[in-house]
Amino acid sequence: MNKKTIRDVALAGKRVLVRVDFNVPIEDGKITDDTRIRAEVPNLKAILAQKPRAVILMSHLGRPKGGPDPKYSLAPVAPALSAQLGVPVAFSPATVGAEAEAAVNSLP
């Protein structure tokens, strides 16, 4: 059986959820190695070329113990990814619940 890739699926006009590995080193709010971000750019450009309605990315950063910890925020990744892709990238601090749902519903 052949495994389908993003190039085999019609994405035009659809919301696309993509799991990416943006677990990058961040010091003082600055990304110190963007290798993992750059590795995802060709796939994300291939998705964007199909003109989806919206692309929603999910990832994690580090392994926080207990509850949320601001030092593990992916917020610095959004502008770095935007610069690589040449398109705006929005960031939502919410991952579940009504706030996350509202963020997704506010996308075009």
Protein backbone atom coordinates (compact mmCIF):
# COMPACT_ATOMS: atom_id res chain seq x y z
CA MET A 1 0.00 0.00 0.00
CA ASN A 2 1.34 3.43 -0.93
CA LYS A 3 1.33 6.08 1.74
CA LYS A 4 -0.37 9.32 0.71
CA THR A 5 1.49 12.58 1.12
CA ILE A 6 0.30 16.17 1.21
CA ARG A 7 0.84 16.27 -2.54
CA ASP A 8 -1.76 13.50 -3.01
CA VAL A 9 -4.61 15.15 -1.11
CA ALA A 10 -6.83 17.97 -2.39
CA LEU A 11 -6.48 20.78 0.14
CA ALA A 12 -7.99 23.72 -1.75
CA GLY A 13 -10.55 25.57 0.36
CA LYS A 14 -10.10 23.29 3.38
CA ARG A 15 -8.79 23.86 6.87
CA VAL A 16 -5.61 21.85 7.23
CA LEU A 17 -4.25 20.68 10.59
CA VAL A 18 -0.53 19.87 10.54
CA ARG A 19 1.63 18.46 13.33
CA VAL A 20 5.10 19.99 13.06
CA ASP A 21 8.28 19.66 15.10
CA PHE A 22 9.07 23.18 16.26
CA ASN A 23 10.75 22.04 19.48
CA VAL A 24 13.59 24.54 18.94
CA PRO A 25 16.06 26.01 21.44
CA ILE A 26 14.99 29.44 22.69
CA GLU A 27 17.07 31.66 24.97
CA ASP A 28 15.79 35.00 26.24
CA GLY A 29 12.89 34.83 23.79
CA LYS A 30 15.18 34.31 20.76
CA ILE A 31 15.45 31.15 18.68
CA THR A 32 19.07 29.99 18.72
CA ASP A 33 18.73 27.25 16.09
CA ASP A 34 15.95 27.33 13.49
CA THR A 35 16.89 24.07 11.73
CA ARG A 36 13.60 22.38 12.59
CA ILE A 37 11.59 25.37 11.39
CA ARG A 38 13.50 25.50 8.10
CA ALA A 39 12.96 21.75 7.65
CA GLU A 40 9.18 22.23 7.62
CA VAL A 41 9.15 25.12 5.13
CA PRO A 42 9.05 23.00 1.92
CA ASN A 43 6.08 20.98 3.21
CA LEU A 44 4.24 24.08 4.38
CA LYS A 45 4.87 25.84 1.06
CA ALA A 46 3.50 22.78 -0.75
CA ILE A 47 0.38 22.97 1.40
CA LEU A 48 0.00 26.73 0.88
CA ALA A 49 0.39 26.29 -2.89
CA GLN A 50 -2.85 24.29 -2.87
CA LYS A 51 -4.73 27.34 -1.52
CA PRO A 52 -6.27 25.89 1.64
CA ARG A 53 -8.79 27.95 3.57
CA ALA A 54 -6.45 27.96 6.58
CA VAL A 55 -3.45 26.04 7.87
CA ILE A 56 -3.39 25.27 11.59
CA LEU A 57 -0.06 24.12 12.98
CA MET A 58 0.43 22.28 16.24
CA SER A 59 3.67 21.55 18.01
CA HIS A 60 5.22 21.52 21.47
CA LEU A 61 8.27 23.05 23.07
CA GLY A 62 10.19 21.30 25.80
CA ARG A 63 8.67 19.19 28.53
CA PRO A 64 7.11 21.46 31.15
CA LYS A 65 6.36 19.82 34.47
CA GLY A 66 2.97 20.58 35.96
CA GLY A 67 0.99 23.34 34.28
CA PRO A 68 1.80 25.77 31.48
CA ASP A 69 5.12 27.61 31.73
CA PRO A 70 5.72 30.79 29.67
CA LYS A 71 9.32 29.79 29.00
CA TYR A 72 7.96 26.94 26.86
CA SER A 73 5.80 29.21 24.69
CA LEU A 74 6.00 28.80 20.93
CA ALA A 75 5.26 32.52 20.45
CA PRO A 76 8.79 33.27 19.14
CA VAL A 77 8.31 30.69 16.40
CA ALA A 78 5.47 32.56 14.66
CA PRO A 79 7.54 35.53 13.42
CA ALA A 80 10.44 33.25 12.49
CA LEU A 81 8.12 31.01 10.47
CA SER A 82 6.43 34.02 8.89
CA ALA A 83 9.82 35.29 7.70
CA GLN A 84 10.65 31.87 6.21
CA LEU A 85 7.28 31.46 4.47
CA GLY A 86 6.72 35.06 3.44
CA VAL A 87 3.14 35.01 4.77
CA PRO A 88 1.59 36.19 8.04
CA VAL A 89 1.56 33.61 10.83
CA ALA A 90 -0.77 34.10 13.79
CA PHE A 91 -0.08 32.59 17.21
CA SER A 92 -2.65 31.42 19.72
CA PRO A 93 -1.53 30.73 23.29
CA ALA A 94 -4.64 28.60 23.79
CA THR A 95 -4.40 24.92 22.88
CA VAL A 96 -7.77 23.59 24.03
CA GLY A 97 -11.16 24.94 25.00
CA ALA A 98 -13.28 27.87 23.93
CA GLU A 99 -10.35 30.24 23.37
CA ALA A 100 -8.62 27.80 21.01
CA GLU A 101 -11.89 27.14 19.20
CA ALA A 102 -12.48 30.88 18.80
CA ALA A 103 -8.96 31.33 17.40
CA VAL A 104 -9.58 28.65 14.78
CA ASN A 105 -13.03 30.02 13.94
CA SER A 106 -11.57 33.50 13.43
CA LEU A 107 -9.34 32.24 10.62
CA PRO A 108 -10.48 33.04 7.09
